[in-house]
Amino acid sequence: MQDLGVDISSGRLSPFITDGLDVFHDEKDQILQAGLSVSSYVHTDDTGARHDGKNGYCTHIGNELFAWFSRTESKSRINFLSCLGQQGSDYFYVLNADAFTYMKQQKLPQVLLSRLEG
């Protein structure tokens, strides 16, 4: 801003950059849902990042069709599932016919398959 001849403090500039962003967060979440609805697969990755002086992670979900990022406090499978479910959703697992076919192809023990099917 100083290069443009504008004399403004970083404290005064910050609200212009950070306030009123709800519409952009909503759009970001819609990108994830749209990307998931047209994709047969997704990649995910987490990388360490500091935010507000605290260690955290940046989680990426996407493929060649879309890219979605979120700041999270965990790097785990549960974190990934909660990102897929979006804010306010519980963790979710889908055990449908495709899931059971996959588990059988991977030779999951029959005793465990029976318990999951029950």
PDB file of N, CA and C in Angstrom:
ATOM      1  N   MET A   1       0.833  -1.191   0.000  1.00  0.00           N
ATOM      2  CA  MET A   1       0.000   0.000   0.000  1.00  0.00           C
ATOM      3  C   MET A   1       0.873   1.250   0.000  1.00  0.00           C
ATOM      4  N   GLN A   2       2.005   1.172   0.714  1.00  0.00           N
ATOM      5  CA  GLN A   2       2.888   2.336   0.748  1.00  0.00           C
ATOM      6  C   GLN A   2       3.433   2.652  -0.642  1.00  0.00           C
ATOM      7  N   ASP A   3       3.683   1.611  -1.441  1.00  0.00           N
ATOM      8  CA  ASP A   3       4.161   1.821  -2.813  1.00  0.00           C
ATOM      9  C   ASP A   3       3.148   2.587  -3.649  1.00  0.00           C
ATOM     10  N   LEU A   4       1.881   2.500  -3.274  1.00  0.00           N
ATOM     11  CA  LEU A   4       0.827   3.213  -3.995  1.00  0.00           C
ATOM     12  C   LEU A   4       0.543   4.584  -3.393  1.00  0.00           C
ATOM     13  N   GLY A   5       1.303   4.948  -2.364  1.00  0.00           N
ATOM     14  CA  GLY A   5       1.120   6.242  -1.736  1.00  0.00           C
ATOM     15  C   GLY A   5       0.005   6.279  -0.708  1.00  0.00           C
ATOM     16  N   VAL A   6      -0.442   5.125  -0.248  1.00  0.00           N
ATOM     17  CA  VAL A   6      -1.508   5.050   0.745  1.00  0.00           C
ATOM     18  C   VAL A   6      -0.870   4.841   2.108  1.00  0.00           C
ATOM     19  N   ASP A   7      -1.134   5.745   3.031  1.00  0.00           N
ATOM     20  CA  ASP A   7      -0.594   5.648   4.378  1.00  0.00           C
ATOM     21  C   ASP A   7      -1.654   5.021   5.289  1.00  0.00           C
ATOM     22  N   ILE A   8      -1.515   3.717   5.535  1.00  0.00           N
ATOM     23  CA  ILE A   8      -2.480   2.995   6.353  1.00  0.00           C
ATOM     24  C   ILE A   8      -1.728   1.951   7.186  1.00  0.00           C
ATOM     25  N   SER A   9      -2.113   1.818   8.440  1.00  0.00           N
ATOM     26  CA  SER A   9      -1.445   0.845   9.311  1.00  0.00           C
ATOM     27  C   SER A   9      -1.945  -0.564   9.010  1.00  0.00           C
ATOM     28  N   SER A  10      -1.153  -1.559   9.384  1.00  0.00           N
ATOM     29  CA  SER A  10      -1.566  -2.944   9.162  1.00  0.00           C
ATOM     30  C   SER A  10      -2.811  -3.273   9.988  1.00  0.00           C
ATOM     31  N   GLY A  11      -2.941  -2.673  11.164  1.00  0.00           N
ATOM     32  CA  GLY A  11      -4.133  -2.892  11.989  1.00  0.00           C
ATOM     33  C   GLY A  11      -5.391  -2.350  11.333  1.00  0.00           C
ATOM     34  N   ARG A  12      -5.270  -1.255  10.626  1.00  0.00           N
ATOM     35  CA  ARG A  12      -6.419  -0.666   9.918  1.00  0.00           C
ATOM     36  C   ARG A  12      -6.722  -1.434   8.632  1.00  0.00           C
ATOM     37  N   LEU A  13      -5.689  -1.996   8.010  1.00  0.00           N
ATOM     38  CA  LEU A  13      -5.838  -2.732   6.757  1.00  0.00           C
ATOM     39  C   LEU A  13      -6.433  -4.127   6.987  1.00  0.00           C
ATOM     40  N   SER A  14      -6.100  -4.739   8.105  1.00  0.00           N
ATOM     41  CA  SER A  14      -6.527  -6.105   8.389  1.00  0.00           C
ATOM     42  C   SER A  14      -8.032  -6.327   8.250  1.00  0.00           C
ATOM     43  N   PRO A  15      -8.903  -5.467   8.808  1.00  0.00           N
ATOM     44  CA  PRO A  15     -10.341  -5.705   8.658  1.00  0.00           C
ATOM     45  C   PRO A  15     -10.820  -5.702   7.200  1.00  0.00           C
ATOM     46  N   PHE A  16     -10.171  -4.928   6.358  1.00  0.00           N
ATOM     47  CA  PHE A  16     -10.553  -4.914   4.940  1.00  0.00           C
ATOM     48  C   PHE A  16     -10.309  -6.269   4.293  1.00  0.00           C
ATOM     49  N   ILE A  17      -9.293  -6.968   4.801  1.00  0.00           N
ATOM     50  CA  ILE A  17      -8.911  -8.250   4.217  1.00  0.00           C
ATOM     51  C   ILE A  17      -9.667  -9.408   4.851  1.00  0.00           C
ATOM     52  N   THR A  18      -9.990  -9.306   6.145  1.00  0.00           N
ATOM     53  CA  THR A  18     -10.508 -10.470   6.867  1.00  0.00           C
ATOM     54  C   THR A  18     -11.990 -10.408   7.227  1.00  0.00           C
ATOM     55  N   ASP A  19     -12.624  -9.263   7.204  1.00  0.00           N
ATOM     56  CA  ASP A  19     -14.041  -9.166   7.585  1.00  0.00           C
ATOM     57  C   ASP A  19     -14.957  -9.463   6.400  1.00  0.00           C
ATOM     58  N   GLY A  20     -16.139 -10.004   6.699  1.00  0.00           N
ATOM     59  CA  GLY A  20     -17.155 -10.223   5.675  1.00  0.00           C
ATOM     60  C   GLY A  20     -16.817 -11.318   4.684  1.00  0.00           C
ATOM     61  N   LEU A  21     -16.129 -12.355   5.141  1.00  0.00           N
ATOM     62  CA  LEU A  21     -15.700 -13.405   4.223  1.00  0.00           C
ATOM     63  C   LEU A  21     -16.614 -14.627   4.216  1.00  0.00           C
ATOM     64  N   ASP A  22     -17.743 -14.565   4.928  1.00  0.00           N
ATOM     65  CA  ASP A  22     -18.633 -15.727   5.011  1.00  0.00           C
ATOM     66  C   ASP A  22     -19.070 -16.219   3.639  1.00  0.00           C
ATOM     67  N   VAL A  23     -19.346 -15.317   2.731  1.00  0.00           N
ATOM     68  CA  VAL A  23     -19.780 -15.723   1.396  1.00  0.00           C
ATOM     69  C   VAL A  23     -18.688 -16.533   0.690  1.00  0.00           C
ATOM     70  N   PHE A  24     -17.427 -16.190   0.943  1.00  0.00           N
ATOM     71  CA  PHE A  24     -16.332 -16.922   0.325  1.00  0.00           C
ATOM     72  C   PHE A  24     -16.151 -18.295   0.969  1.00  0.00           C
ATOM     73  N   HIS A  25     -16.350 -18.383   2.297  1.00  0.00           N
ATOM     74  CA  HIS A  25     -16.270 -19.675   2.976  1.00  0.00           C
ATOM     75  C   HIS A  25     -17.395 -20.591   2.493  1.00  0.00           C
ATOM     76  N   ASP A  26     -18.585 -20.049   2.307  1.00  0.00           N
ATOM     77  CA  ASP A  26     -19.699 -20.838   1.780  1.00  0.00           C
ATOM     78  C   ASP A  26     -19.379 -21.352   0.382  1.00  0.00           C
ATOM     79  N   GLU A  27     -18.812 -20.477  -0.435  1.00  0.00           N
ATOM     80  CA  GLU A  27     -18.453 -20.882  -1.793  1.00  0.00           C
ATOM     81  C   GLU A  27     -17.375 -21.959  -1.766  1.00  0.00           C
ATOM     82  N   LYS A  28     -16.406 -21.834  -0.859  1.00  0.00           N
ATOM     83  CA  LYS A  28     -15.348 -22.840  -0.732  1.00  0.00           C
ATOM     84  C   LYS A  28     -15.954 -24.208  -0.405  1.00  0.00           C
ATOM     85  N   ASP A  29     -16.917 -24.235   0.510  1.00  0.00           N
ATOM     86  CA  ASP A  29     -17.553 -25.501   0.874  1.00  0.00           C
ATOM     87  C   ASP A  29     -18.380 -26.061  -0.281  1.00  0.00           C
ATOM     88  N   GLN A  30     -18.971 -25.193  -1.080  1.00  0.00           N
ATOM     89  CA  GLN A  30     -19.722 -25.649  -2.251  1.00  0.00           C
ATOM     90  C   GLN A  30     -18.789 -26.258  -3.299  1.00  0.00           C
ATOM     91  N   ILE A  31     -17.561 -25.731  -3.370  1.00  0.00           N
ATOM     92  CA  ILE A  31     -16.578 -26.294  -4.298  1.00  0.00           C
ATOM     93  C   ILE A  31     -16.279 -27.736  -3.928  1.00  0.00           C
ATOM     94  N   LEU A  32     -16.113 -28.008  -2.634  1.00  0.00           N
ATOM     95  CA  LEU A  32     -15.851 -29.374  -2.204  1.00  0.00           C
ATOM     96  C   LEU A  32     -17.009 -30.289  -2.575  1.00  0.00           C
ATOM     97  N   GLN A  33     -18.216 -29.885  -2.274  1.00  0.00           N
ATOM     98  CA  GLN A  33     -19.381 -30.727  -2.574  1.00  0.00           C
ATOM     99  C   GLN A  33     -19.525 -30.949  -4.081  1.00  0.00           C
ATOM    100  N   ALA A  34     -19.333 -29.913  -4.871  1.00  0.00           N
ATOM    101  CA  ALA A  34     -19.430 -30.055  -6.332  1.00  0.00           C
ATOM    102  C   ALA A  34     -18.329 -30.971  -6.856  1.00  0.00           C
ATOM    103  N   GLY A  35     -17.113 -30.794  -6.346  1.00  0.00           N
ATOM    104  CA  GLY A  35     -16.002 -31.635  -6.777  1.00  0.00           C
ATOM    105  C   GLY A  35     -16.225 -33.095  -6.433  1.00  0.00           C
ATOM    106  N   LEU A  36     -16.724 -33.351  -5.227  1.00  0.00           N
ATOM    107  CA  LEU A  36     -16.988 -34.732  -4.821  1.00  0.00           C
ATOM    108  C   LEU A  36     -18.098 -35.356  -5.654  1.00  0.00           C
ATOM    109  N   SER A  37     -19.082 -34.553  -6.041  1.00  0.00           N
ATOM    110  CA  SER A  37     -20.223 -35.103  -6.783  1.00  0.00           C
ATOM    111  C   SER A  37     -19.861 -35.514  -8.212  1.00  0.00           C
ATOM    112  N   VAL A  38     -18.795 -34.957  -8.784  1.00  0.00           N
ATOM    113  CA  VAL A  38     -18.421 -35.291 -10.159  1.00  0.00           C
ATOM    114  C   VAL A  38     -17.140 -36.116 -10.246  1.00  0.00           C
ATOM    115  N   SER A  39     -16.584 -36.496  -9.100  1.00  0.00           N
ATOM    116  CA  SER A  39     -15.295 -37.189  -9.100  1.00  0.00           C
ATOM    117  C   SER A  39     -15.446 -38.655  -8.730  1.00  0.00           C
ATOM    118  N   SER A  40     -14.690 -39.496  -9.419  1.00  0.00           N
ATOM    119  CA  SER A  40     -14.689 -40.912  -9.070  1.00  0.00           C
ATOM    120  C   SER A  40     -13.622 -41.214  -8.019  1.00  0.00           C
ATOM    121  N   TYR A  41     -12.730 -40.260  -7.766  1.00  0.00           N
ATOM    122  CA  TYR A  41     -11.704 -40.420  -6.735  1.00  0.00           C
ATOM    123  C   TYR A  41     -11.214 -39.044  -6.309  1.00  0.00           C
ATOM    124  N   VAL A  42     -10.582 -38.981  -5.160  1.00  0.00           N
ATOM    125  CA  VAL A  42      -9.942 -37.753  -4.700  1.00  0.00           C
ATOM    126  C   VAL A  42      -8.598 -38.109  -4.077  1.00  0.00           C
ATOM    127  N   HIS A  43      -7.713 -37.142  -4.085  1.00  0.00           N
ATOM    128  CA  HIS A  43      -6.442 -37.225  -3.372  1.00  0.00           C
ATOM    129  C   HIS A  43      -6.570 -36.366  -2.129  1.00  0.00           C
ATOM    130  N   THR A  44      -5.800 -36.697  -1.113  1.00  0.00           N
ATOM    131  CA  THR A  44      -5.759 -35.836   0.063  1.00  0.00           C
ATOM    132  C   THR A  44      -4.330 -35.725   0.549  1.00  0.00           C
ATOM    133  N   ASP A  45      -4.035 -34.614   1.183  1.00  0.00           N
ATOM    134  CA  ASP A  45      -2.713 -34.404   1.751  1.00  0.00           C
ATOM    135  C   ASP A  45      -2.845 -33.400   2.887  1.00  0.00           C
ATOM    136  N   ASP A  46      -1.993 -33.535   3.870  1.00  0.00           N
ATOM    137  CA  ASP A  46      -1.924 -32.585   4.973  1.00  0.00           C
ATOM    138  C   ASP A  46      -0.491 -32.098   5.073  1.00  0.00           C
ATOM    139  N   THR A  47      -0.331 -30.831   5.375  1.00  0.00           N
ATOM    140  CA  THR A  47       0.996 -30.297   5.594  1.00  0.00           C
ATOM    141  C   THR A  47       0.953 -29.400   6.816  1.00  0.00           C
ATOM    142  N   GLY A  48       2.036 -29.379   7.566  1.00  0.00           N
ATOM    143  CA  GLY A  48       2.102 -28.556   8.764  1.00  0.00           C
ATOM    144  C   GLY A  48       2.051 -27.077   8.412  1.00  0.00           C
ATOM    145  N   ALA A  49       1.362 -26.324   9.255  1.00  0.00           N
ATOM    146  CA  ALA A  49       1.249 -24.880   9.037  1.00  0.00           C
ATOM    147  C   ALA A  49       1.018 -24.201  10.380  1.00  0.00           C
ATOM    148  N   ARG A  50       1.554 -23.020  10.554  1.00  0.00           N
ATOM    149  CA  ARG A  50       1.289 -22.241  11.765  1.00  0.00           C
ATOM    150  C   ARG A  50       0.230 -21.207  11.448  1.00  0.00           C
ATOM    151  N   HIS A  51      -0.704 -21.035  12.383  1.00  0.00           N
ATOM    152  CA  HIS A  51      -1.756 -20.040  12.221  1.00  0.00           C
ATOM    153  C   HIS A  51      -2.037 -19.435  13.587  1.00  0.00           C
ATOM    154  N   ASP A  52      -2.060 -18.137  13.657  1.00  0.00           N
ATOM    155  CA  ASP A  52      -2.273 -17.436  14.925  1.00  0.00           C
ATOM    156  C   ASP A  52      -1.313 -17.926  16.000  1.00  0.00           C
ATOM    157  N   GLY A  53      -0.074 -18.221  15.630  1.00  0.00           N
ATOM    158  CA  GLY A  53       0.945 -18.639  16.580  1.00  0.00           C
ATOM    159  C   GLY A  53       0.797 -20.052  17.093  1.00  0.00           C
ATOM    160  N   LYS A  54      -0.056 -20.850  16.471  1.00  0.00           N
ATOM    161  CA  LYS A  54      -0.272 -22.226  16.909  1.00  0.00           C
ATOM    162  C   LYS A  54       0.037 -23.183  15.762  1.00  0.00           C
ATOM    163  N   ASN A  55       0.596 -24.346  16.107  1.00  0.00           N
ATOM    164  CA  ASN A  55       0.836 -25.371  15.093  1.00  0.00           C
ATOM    165  C   ASN A  55      -0.497 -25.933  14.625  1.00  0.00           C
ATOM    166  N   GLY A  56      -0.603 -26.198  13.361  1.00  0.00           N
ATOM    167  CA  GLY A  56      -1.809 -26.772  12.781  1.00  0.00           C
ATOM    168  C   GLY A  56      -1.457 -27.416  11.465  1.00  0.00           C
ATOM    169  N   TYR A  57      -2.474 -27.688  10.672  1.00  0.00           N
ATOM    170  CA  TYR A  57      -2.272 -28.357   9.394  1.00  0.00           C
ATOM    171  C   TYR A  57      -3.146 -27.710   8.332  1.00  0.00           C
ATOM    172  N   CYS A  58      -2.682 -27.789   7.113  1.00  0.00           N
ATOM    173  CA  CYS A  58      -3.484 -27.403   5.965  1.00  0.00           C
ATOM    174  C   CYS A  58      -3.847 -28.704   5.258  1.00  0.00           C
ATOM    175  N   THR A  59      -5.133 -28.993   5.190  1.00  0.00           N
ATOM    176  CA  THR A  59      -5.616 -30.217   4.558  1.00  0.00           C
ATOM    177  C   THR A  59      -6.109 -29.905   3.154  1.00  0.00           C
ATOM    178  N   HIS A  60      -5.646 -30.687   2.196  1.00  0.00           N
ATOM    179  CA  HIS A  60      -6.064 -30.536   0.803  1.00  0.00           C
ATOM    180  C   HIS A  60      -6.870 -31.759   0.400  1.00  0.00           C
ATOM    181  N   ILE A  61      -7.982 -31.529  -0.296  1.00  0.00           N
ATOM    182  CA  ILE A  61      -8.759 -32.589  -0.926  1.00  0.00           C
ATOM    183  C   ILE A  61      -8.992 -32.146  -2.365  1.00  0.00           C
ATOM    184  N   GLY A  62      -8.737 -33.022  -3.324  1.00  0.00           N
ATOM    185  CA  GLY A  62      -8.963 -32.624  -4.708  1.00  0.00           C
ATOM    186  C   GLY A  62      -8.462 -33.656  -5.698  1.00  0.00           C
ATOM    187  N   ASN A  63      -8.505 -33.278  -6.948  1.00  0.00           N
ATOM    188  CA  ASN A  63      -7.966 -34.059  -8.064  1.00  0.00           C
ATOM    189  C   ASN A  63      -7.771 -33.082  -9.219  1.00  0.00           C
ATOM    190  N   GLU A  64      -7.740 -33.583 -10.457  1.00  0.00           N
ATOM    191  CA  GLU A  64      -7.515 -32.658 -11.576  1.00  0.00           C
ATOM    192  C   GLU A  64      -8.714 -31.748 -11.850  1.00  0.00           C
ATOM    193  N   LEU A  65      -9.861 -32.020 -11.224  1.00  0.00           N
ATOM    194  CA  LEU A  65     -11.069 -31.212 -11.447  1.00  0.00           C
ATOM    195  C   LEU A  65     -11.253 -30.078 -10.444  1.00  0.00           C
ATOM    196  N   PHE A  66     -10.735 -30.246  -9.233  1.00  0.00           N
ATOM    197  CA  PHE A  66     -10.946 -29.226  -8.205  1.00  0.00           C
ATOM    198  C   PHE A  66      -9.875 -29.327  -7.120  1.00  0.00           C
ATOM    199  N   ALA A  67      -9.755 -28.260  -6.361  1.00  0.00           N
ATOM    200  CA  ALA A  67      -8.847 -28.237  -5.210  1.00  0.00           C
ATOM    201  C   ALA A  67      -9.566 -27.524  -4.065  1.00  0.00           C
ATOM    202  N   TRP A  68      -9.527 -28.138  -2.892  1.00  0.00           N
ATOM    203  CA  TRP A  68     -10.170 -27.584  -1.701  1.00  0.00           C
ATOM    204  C   TRP A  68      -9.161 -27.650  -0.562  1.00  0.00           C
ATOM    205  N   PHE A  69      -9.073 -26.593   0.230  1.00  0.00           N
ATOM    206  CA  PHE A  69      -8.120 -26.522   1.328  1.00  0.00           C
ATOM    207  C   PHE A  69      -8.842 -26.092   2.598  1.00  0.00           C
ATOM    208  N   SER A  70      -8.343 -26.587   3.735  1.00  0.00           N
ATOM    209  CA  SER A  70      -8.901 -26.182   5.019  1.00  0.00           C
ATOM    210  C   SER A  70      -7.804 -26.194   6.070  1.00  0.00           C
ATOM    211  N   ARG A  71      -7.870 -25.235   6.978  1.00  0.00           N
ATOM    212  CA  ARG A  71      -6.958 -25.207   8.117  1.00  0.00           C
ATOM    213  C   ARG A  71      -7.568 -26.102   9.189  1.00  0.00           C
ATOM    214  N   THR A  72      -6.779 -27.073   9.669  1.00  0.00           N
ATOM    215  CA  THR A  72      -7.275 -28.016  10.672  1.00  0.00           C
ATOM    216  C   THR A  72      -6.257 -28.148  11.798  1.00  0.00           C
ATOM    217  N   GLU A  73      -6.666 -28.773  12.866  1.00  0.00           N
ATOM    218  CA  GLU A  73      -5.787 -28.951  14.022  1.00  0.00           C
ATOM    219  C   GLU A  73      -5.252 -30.379  14.129  1.00  0.00           C
ATOM    220  N   SER A  74      -5.591 -31.225  13.172  1.00  0.00           N
ATOM    221  CA  SER A  74      -5.211 -32.629  13.258  1.00  0.00           C
ATOM    222  C   SER A  74      -4.780 -33.140  11.897  1.00  0.00           C
ATOM    223  N   LYS A  75      -3.948 -34.159  11.931  1.00  0.00           N
ATOM    224  CA  LYS A  75      -3.518 -34.828  10.707  1.00  0.00           C
ATOM    225  C   LYS A  75      -3.828 -36.304  10.903  1.00  0.00           C
ATOM    226  N   SER A  76      -5.045 -36.700  10.538  1.00  0.00           N
ATOM    227  CA  SER A  76      -5.471 -38.070  10.790  1.00  0.00           C
ATOM    228  C   SER A  76      -6.564 -38.459   9.805  1.00  0.00           C
ATOM    229  N   ARG A  77      -6.897 -39.736   9.796  1.00  0.00           N
ATOM    230  CA  ARG A  77      -7.992 -40.202   8.944  1.00  0.00           C
ATOM    231  C   ARG A  77      -9.317 -39.624   9.422  1.00  0.00           C
ATOM    232  N   ILE A  78      -9.486 -39.530  10.737  1.00  0.00           N
ATOM    233  CA  ILE A  78     -10.712 -38.951  11.285  1.00  0.00           C
ATOM    234  C   ILE A  78     -10.837 -37.495  10.845  1.00  0.00           C
ATOM    235  N   ASN A  79      -9.732 -36.762  10.840  1.00  0.00           N
ATOM    236  CA  ASN A  79      -9.749 -35.377  10.370  1.00  0.00           C
ATOM    237  C   ASN A  79     -10.185 -35.313   8.918  1.00  0.00           C
ATOM    238  N   PHE A  80      -9.628 -36.205   8.088  1.00  0.00           N
ATOM    239  CA  PHE A  80     -10.004 -36.241   6.675  1.00  0.00           C
ATOM    240  C   PHE A  80     -11.498 -36.498   6.523  1.00  0.00           C
ATOM    241  N   LEU A  81     -12.035 -37.468   7.273  1.00  0.00           N
ATOM    242  CA  LEU A  81     -13.463 -37.771   7.192  1.00  0.00           C
ATOM    243  C   LEU A  81     -14.312 -36.597   7.661  1.00  0.00           C
ATOM    244  N   SER A  82     -13.857 -35.895   8.692  1.00  0.00           N
ATOM    245  CA  SER A  82     -14.641 -34.744   9.149  1.00  0.00           C
ATOM    246  C   SER A  82     -14.595 -33.621   8.112  1.00  0.00           C
ATOM    247  N   CYS A  83     -13.471 -33.468   7.406  1.00  0.00           N
ATOM    248  CA  CYS A  83     -13.410 -32.480   6.318  1.00  0.00           C
ATOM    249  C   CYS A  83     -14.382 -32.855   5.206  1.00  0.00           C
ATOM    250  N   LEU A  84     -14.459 -34.136   4.879  1.00  0.00           N
ATOM    251  CA  LEU A  84     -15.410 -34.573   3.854  1.00  0.00           C
ATOM    252  C   LEU A  84     -16.842 -34.275   4.271  1.00  0.00           C
ATOM    253  N   GLY A  85     -17.128 -34.433   5.560  1.00  0.00           N
ATOM    254  CA  GLY A  85     -18.479 -34.194   6.067  1.00  0.00           C
ATOM    255  C   GLY A  85     -18.783 -32.737   6.295  1.00  0.00           C
ATOM    256  N   GLN A  86     -17.767 -31.881   6.239  1.00  0.00           N
ATOM    257  CA  GLN A  86     -17.899 -30.438   6.440  1.00  0.00           C
ATOM    258  C   GLN A  86     -18.156 -30.097   7.902  1.00  0.00           C
ATOM    259  N   GLN A  87     -18.182 -28.832   8.183  1.00  0.00           N
ATOM    260  CA  GLN A  87     -18.362 -28.343   9.540  1.00  0.00           C
ATOM    261  C   GLN A  87     -19.726 -28.738  10.077  1.00  0.00           C
ATOM    262  N   GLY A  88     -19.775 -29.109  11.351  1.00  0.00           N
ATOM    263  CA  GLY A  88     -21.037 -29.427  12.001  1.00  0.00           C
ATOM    264  C   GLY A  88     -21.508 -30.848  11.752  1.00  0.00           C
ATOM    265  N   SER A  89     -20.794 -31.618  10.968  1.00  0.00           N
ATOM    266  CA  SER A  89     -21.190 -32.997  10.704  1.00  0.00           C
ATOM    267  C   SER A  89     -20.351 -33.934  11.556  1.00  0.00           C
ATOM    268  N   ASP A  90     -20.944 -35.020  11.947  1.00  0.00           N
ATOM    269  CA  ASP A  90     -20.192 -36.051  12.645  1.00  0.00           C
ATOM    270  C   ASP A  90     -19.370 -36.819  11.624  1.00  0.00           C
ATOM    271  N   TYR A  91     -18.434 -37.600  12.117  1.00  0.00           N
ATOM    272  CA  TYR A  91     -17.650 -38.452  11.243  1.00  0.00           C
ATOM    273  C   TYR A  91     -18.602 -39.452  10.609  1.00  0.00           C
ATOM    274  N   PHE A  92     -18.313 -39.867   9.425  1.00  0.00           N
ATOM    275  CA  PHE A  92     -19.210 -40.798   8.767  1.00  0.00           C
ATOM    276  C   PHE A  92     -18.433 -41.874   8.033  1.00  0.00           C
ATOM    277  N   TYR A  93     -19.032 -43.016   7.977  1.00  0.00           N
ATOM    278  CA  TYR A  93     -18.516 -44.135   7.213  1.00  0.00           C
ATOM    279  C   TYR A  93     -19.675 -44.685   6.400  1.00  0.00           C
ATOM    280  N   VAL A  94     -19.405 -45.085   5.185  1.00  0.00           N
ATOM    281  CA  VAL A  94     -20.440 -45.677   4.350  1.00  0.00           C
ATOM    282  C   VAL A  94     -20.091 -47.144   4.150  1.00  0.00           C
ATOM    283  N   LEU A  95     -20.953 -48.007   4.635  1.00  0.00           N
ATOM    284  CA  LEU A  95     -20.775 -49.442   4.441  1.00  0.00           C
ATOM    285  C   LEU A  95     -21.897 -49.924   3.534  1.00  0.00           C
ATOM    286  N   ASN A  96     -21.684 -49.741   2.229  1.00  0.00           N
ATOM    287  CA  ASN A  96     -22.683 -50.159   1.251  1.00  0.00           C
ATOM    288  C   ASN A  96     -22.157 -51.393   0.512  1.00  0.00           C
ATOM    289  N   ALA A  97     -22.888 -51.816  -0.494  1.00  0.00           N
ATOM    290  CA  ALA A  97     -22.505 -53.022  -1.238  1.00  0.00           C
ATOM    291  C   ALA A  97     -21.107 -52.882  -1.837  1.00  0.00           C
ATOM    292  N   ASP A  98     -20.781 -51.708  -2.363  1.00  0.00           N
ATOM    293  CA  ASP A  98     -19.446 -51.495  -2.932  1.00  0.00           C
ATOM    294  C   ASP A  98     -18.360 -51.645  -1.872  1.00  0.00           C
ATOM    295  N   ALA A  99     -18.628 -51.139  -0.669  1.00  0.00           N
ATOM    296  CA  ALA A  99     -17.646 -51.241   0.410  1.00  0.00           C
ATOM    297  C   ALA A  99     -17.407 -52.704   0.779  1.00  0.00           C
ATOM    298  N   PHE A 100     -18.488 -53.482   0.878  1.00  0.00           N
ATOM    299  CA  PHE A 100     -18.329 -54.892   1.233  1.00  0.00           C
ATOM    300  C   PHE A 100     -17.647 -55.688   0.119  1.00  0.00           C
ATOM    301  N   THR A 101     -17.932 -55.361  -1.130  1.00  0.00           N
ATOM    302  CA  THR A 101     -17.242 -56.009  -2.255  1.00  0.00           C
ATOM    303  C   THR A 101     -15.749 -55.735  -2.164  1.00  0.00           C
ATOM    304  N   TYR A 102     -15.389 -54.486  -1.895  1.00  0.00           N
ATOM    305  CA  TYR A 102     -13.982 -54.113  -1.768  1.00  0.00           C
ATOM    306  C   TYR A 102     -13.325 -54.875  -0.611  1.00  0.00           C
ATOM    307  N   MET A 103     -13.994 -54.925   0.542  1.00  0.00           N
ATOM    308  CA  MET A 103     -13.425 -55.614   1.702  1.00  0.00           C
ATOM    309  C   MET A 103     -13.222 -57.099   1.417  1.00  0.00           C
ATOM    310  N   LYS A 104     -14.144 -57.708   0.683  1.00  0.00           N
ATOM    311  CA  LYS A 104     -13.996 -59.129   0.322  1.00  0.00           C
ATOM    312  C   LYS A 104     -12.823 -59.313  -0.643  1.00  0.00           C
ATOM    313  N   GLN A 105     -12.674 -58.396  -1.602  1.00  0.00           N
ATOM    314  CA  GLN A 105     -11.552 -58.473  -2.539  1.00  0.00           C
ATOM    315  C   GLN A 105     -10.215 -58.330  -1.811  1.00  0.00           C
ATOM    316  N   GLN A 106     -10.208 -57.564  -0.722  1.00  0.00           N
ATOM    317  CA  GLN A 106      -8.986 -57.354   0.060  1.00  0.00           C
ATOM    318  C   GLN A 106      -8.774 -58.462   1.095  1.00  0.00           C
ATOM    319  N   LYS A 107      -9.670 -59.462   1.064  1.00  0.00           N
ATOM    320  CA  LYS A 107      -9.588 -60.630   1.942  1.00  0.00           C
ATOM    321  C   LYS A 107      -9.661 -60.268   3.425  1.00  0.00           C
ATOM    322  N   LEU A 108     -10.582 -59.363   3.743  1.00  0.00           N
ATOM    323  CA  LEU A 108     -10.844 -59.055   5.142  1.00  0.00           C
ATOM    324  C   LEU A 108     -11.368 -60.311   5.818  1.00  0.00           C
ATOM    325  N   PRO A 109     -10.945 -60.630   7.039  1.00  0.00           N
ATOM    326  CA  PRO A 109     -11.392 -61.857   7.705  1.00  0.00           C
ATOM    327  C   PRO A 109     -12.922 -61.949   7.761  1.00  0.00           C
ATOM    328  N   GLN A 110     -13.446 -63.136   7.495  1.00  0.00           N
ATOM    329  CA  GLN A 110     -14.890 -63.350   7.443  1.00  0.00           C
ATOM    330  C   GLN A 110     -15.565 -62.980   8.755  1.00  0.00           C
ATOM    331  N   VAL A 111     -14.911 -63.253   9.891  1.00  0.00           N
ATOM    332  CA  VAL A 111     -15.513 -62.927  11.177  1.00  0.00           C
ATOM    333  C   VAL A 111     -15.761 -61.415  11.294  1.00  0.00           C
ATOM    334  N   LEU A 112     -14.822 -60.619  10.805  1.00  0.00           N
ATOM    335  CA  LEU A 112     -15.002 -59.164  10.841  1.00  0.00           C
ATOM    336  C   LEU A 112     -16.057 -58.723   9.848  1.00  0.00           C
ATOM    337  N   LEU A 113     -16.053 -59.302   8.648  1.00  0.00           N
ATOM    338  CA  LEU A 113     -17.091 -58.981   7.659  1.00  0.00           C
ATOM    339  C   LEU A 113     -18.480 -59.271   8.207  1.00  0.00           C
ATOM    340  N   SER A 114     -18.636 -60.409   8.880  1.00  0.00           N
ATOM    341  CA  SER A 114     -19.938 -60.770   9.449  1.00  0.00           C
ATOM    342  C   SER A 114     -20.381 -59.755  10.488  1.00  0.00           C
ATOM    343  N   ARG A 115     -19.453 -59.312  11.313  1.00  0.00           N
ATOM    344  CA  ARG A 115     -19.792 -58.320  12.353  1.00  0.00           C
ATOM    345  C   ARG A 115     -20.191 -56.987  11.714  1.00  0.00           C
ATOM    346  N   LEU A 116     -19.475 -56.577  10.671  1.00  0.00           N
ATOM    347  CA  LEU A 116     -19.795 -55.318   9.999  1.00  0.00           C
ATOM    348  C   LEU A 116     -21.136 -55.403   9.271  1.00  0.00           C
ATOM    349  N   GLU A 117     -21.407 -56.529   8.649  1.00  0.00           N
ATOM    350  CA  GLU A 117     -22.671 -56.699   7.941  1.00  0.00           C
ATOM    351  C   GLU A 117     -23.843 -56.715   8.906  1.00  0.00           C
ATOM    352  N   GLY A 118     -23.604 -57.175  10.132  1.00  0.00           N
ATOM    353  CA  GLY A 118     -24.663 -57.209  11.148  1.00  0.00           C
ATOM    354  C   GLY A 118     -24.985 -55.831  11.648  1.00  0.00           C
TER     355      GLY A 118
END
